[in-house]
Amino acid sequence: MYRVLIHNDDKTTMGFVVQILVSVFALQNEKAIQIMLEAHDTQVALVTVETLERAEFHVEQCRSLARAQKYPLTLTIEPEE
């Protein structure tokens, strides 16, 4: 299993991050806000743990949506320990 992490940046809006988390990862709005705030406060937050194939798919979806809006939103994948 793999951890999907979202990273804070100075350009991507908080609202867009919440929108991405809700639409791509099917999170409830409250959970998406919690993750967004954690990333904002600590620079990185855990979004989910899933198979590598799903993680790669979700990260690519997020990158594509973010780049279309000119946001540098970054998500990374790391093996779960």
C-alpha atoms as a PDB file:
ATOM      1  CA  MET A   1       0.000   0.000   0.000  1.00  0.00           C
ATOM      2  CA  TYR A   2       1.064   3.595  -0.656  1.00  0.00           C
ATOM      3  CA  ARG A   3       0.524   6.897   1.103  1.00  0.00           C
ATOM      4  CA  VAL A   4      -0.670   9.874  -0.956  1.00  0.00           C
ATOM      5  CA  LEU A   5       0.630  13.139   0.497  1.00  0.00           C
ATOM      6  CA  ILE A   6      -0.427  16.667  -0.384  1.00  0.00           C
ATOM      7  CA  HIS A   7       2.092  19.495  -0.044  1.00  0.00           C
ATOM      8  CA  ASN A   8       1.508  23.130   0.800  1.00  0.00           C
ATOM      9  CA  ASP A   9       2.478  25.882  -1.626  1.00  0.00           C
ATOM     10  CA  ASP A  10       2.017  29.648  -1.740  1.00  0.00           C
ATOM     11  CA  LYS A  11      -0.060  29.744  -4.938  1.00  0.00           C
ATOM     12  CA  THR A  12      -2.777  27.081  -4.833  1.00  0.00           C
ATOM     13  CA  THR A  13      -5.868  28.391  -3.081  1.00  0.00           C
ATOM     14  CA  MET A  14      -7.315  26.634  -0.064  1.00  0.00           C
ATOM     15  CA  GLY A  15     -10.663  26.389  -1.809  1.00  0.00           C
ATOM     16  CA  PHE A  16      -9.125  24.667  -4.820  1.00  0.00           C
ATOM     17  CA  VAL A  17      -7.335  22.155  -2.584  1.00  0.00           C
ATOM     18  CA  VAL A  18     -10.597  21.292  -0.828  1.00  0.00           C
ATOM     19  CA  GLN A  19     -12.361  20.996  -4.193  1.00  0.00           C
ATOM     20  CA  ILE A  20      -9.671  18.601  -5.464  1.00  0.00           C
ATOM     21  CA  LEU A  21      -9.795  16.456  -2.334  1.00  0.00           C
ATOM     22  CA  VAL A  22     -13.585  16.175  -2.546  1.00  0.00           C
ATOM     23  CA  SER A  23     -13.782  15.547  -6.294  1.00  0.00           C
ATOM     24  CA  VAL A  24     -10.761  13.279  -6.839  1.00  0.00           C
ATOM     25  CA  PHE A  25     -10.590  11.403  -3.537  1.00  0.00           C
ATOM     26  CA  ALA A  26     -14.339  11.484  -2.748  1.00  0.00           C
ATOM     27  CA  LEU A  27     -13.716  12.916   0.698  1.00  0.00           C
ATOM     28  CA  GLN A  28     -16.411  14.597   2.741  1.00  0.00           C
ATOM     29  CA  ASN A  29     -16.021  18.386   2.773  1.00  0.00           C
ATOM     30  CA  GLU A  30     -15.134  18.469   6.491  1.00  0.00           C
ATOM     31  CA  LYS A  31     -12.364  15.860   6.053  1.00  0.00           C
ATOM     32  CA  ALA A  32     -11.015  17.716   2.995  1.00  0.00           C
ATOM     33  CA  ILE A  33     -10.849  20.955   4.992  1.00  0.00           C
ATOM     34  CA  GLN A  34      -9.047  19.173   7.832  1.00  0.00           C
ATOM     35  CA  ILE A  35      -6.420  17.760   5.435  1.00  0.00           C
ATOM     36  CA  MET A  36      -6.003  21.105   3.666  1.00  0.00           C
ATOM     37  CA  LEU A  37      -5.443  22.900   6.984  1.00  0.00           C
ATOM     38  CA  GLU A  38      -2.951  20.281   8.146  1.00  0.00           C
ATOM     39  CA  ALA A  39      -0.965  20.727   4.921  1.00  0.00           C
ATOM     40  CA  HIS A  40      -1.176  24.498   5.312  1.00  0.00           C
ATOM     41  CA  ASP A  41       0.084  24.358   8.910  1.00  0.00           C
ATOM     42  CA  THR A  42       2.723  21.613   8.613  1.00  0.00           C
ATOM     43  CA  GLN A  43       3.605  21.780   4.869  1.00  0.00           C
ATOM     44  CA  VAL A  44       2.406  18.214   4.144  1.00  0.00           C
ATOM     45  CA  ALA A  45      -0.600  16.037   5.004  1.00  0.00           C
ATOM     46  CA  LEU A  46      -1.701  12.469   4.431  1.00  0.00           C
ATOM     47  CA  VAL A  47      -4.637  12.259   2.032  1.00  0.00           C
ATOM     48  CA  THR A  48      -5.154   8.496   1.804  1.00  0.00           C
ATOM     49  CA  VAL A  49      -3.494   5.090   1.687  1.00  0.00           C
ATOM     50  CA  GLU A  50      -4.219   2.984  -1.384  1.00  0.00           C
ATOM     51  CA  THR A  51      -2.710   0.698  -4.004  1.00  0.00           C
ATOM     52  CA  LEU A  52       0.097   2.107  -6.134  1.00  0.00           C
ATOM     53  CA  GLU A  53      -2.044   2.034  -9.269  1.00  0.00           C
ATOM     54  CA  ARG A  54      -4.873   4.031  -7.622  1.00  0.00           C
ATOM     55  CA  ALA A  55      -2.407   6.422  -5.989  1.00  0.00           C
ATOM     56  CA  GLU A  56      -0.699   7.161  -9.309  1.00  0.00           C
ATOM     57  CA  PHE A  57      -4.060   7.642 -11.007  1.00  0.00           C
ATOM     58  CA  HIS A  58      -5.311  10.046  -8.333  1.00  0.00           C
ATOM     59  CA  VAL A  59      -2.079  12.046  -8.250  1.00  0.00           C
ATOM     60  CA  GLU A  60      -2.145  12.437 -12.031  1.00  0.00           C
ATOM     61  CA  GLN A  61      -5.786  13.564 -11.914  1.00  0.00           C
ATOM     62  CA  CYS A  62      -4.900  16.198  -9.318  1.00  0.00           C
ATOM     63  CA  ARG A  63      -1.886  17.431 -11.262  1.00  0.00           C
ATOM     64  CA  SER A  64      -3.894  17.690 -14.461  1.00  0.00           C
ATOM     65  CA  LEU A  65      -6.708  19.658 -12.809  1.00  0.00           C
ATOM     66  CA  ALA A  66      -4.254  21.915 -10.987  1.00  0.00           C
ATOM     67  CA  ARG A  67      -2.146  22.667 -14.071  1.00  0.00           C
ATOM     68  CA  ALA A  68      -5.269  23.528 -16.038  1.00  0.00           C
ATOM     69  CA  GLN A  69      -5.865  26.265 -13.446  1.00  0.00           C
ATOM     70  CA  LYS A  70      -2.154  27.262 -13.397  1.00  0.00           C
ATOM     71  CA  TYR A  71      -1.668  25.980  -9.823  1.00  0.00           C
ATOM     72  CA  PRO A  72       1.576  24.246  -8.774  1.00  0.00           C
ATOM     73  CA  LEU A  73      -0.246  21.814  -6.467  1.00  0.00           C
ATOM     74  CA  THR A  74       2.008  18.897  -5.582  1.00  0.00           C
ATOM     75  CA  LEU A  75       1.066  15.432  -4.362  1.00  0.00           C
ATOM     76  CA  THR A  76       3.573  12.666  -3.774  1.00  0.00           C
ATOM     77  CA  ILE A  77       3.392   8.927  -3.214  1.00  0.00           C
ATOM     78  CA  GLU A  78       5.477   6.936  -0.755  1.00  0.00           C
ATOM     79  CA  PRO A  79       5.353   3.319   0.379  1.00  0.00           C
ATOM     80  CA  GLU A  80       3.486   2.754   3.610  1.00  0.00           C
ATOM     81  CA  GLU A  81       5.835   1.566   6.331  1.00  0.00           C
END
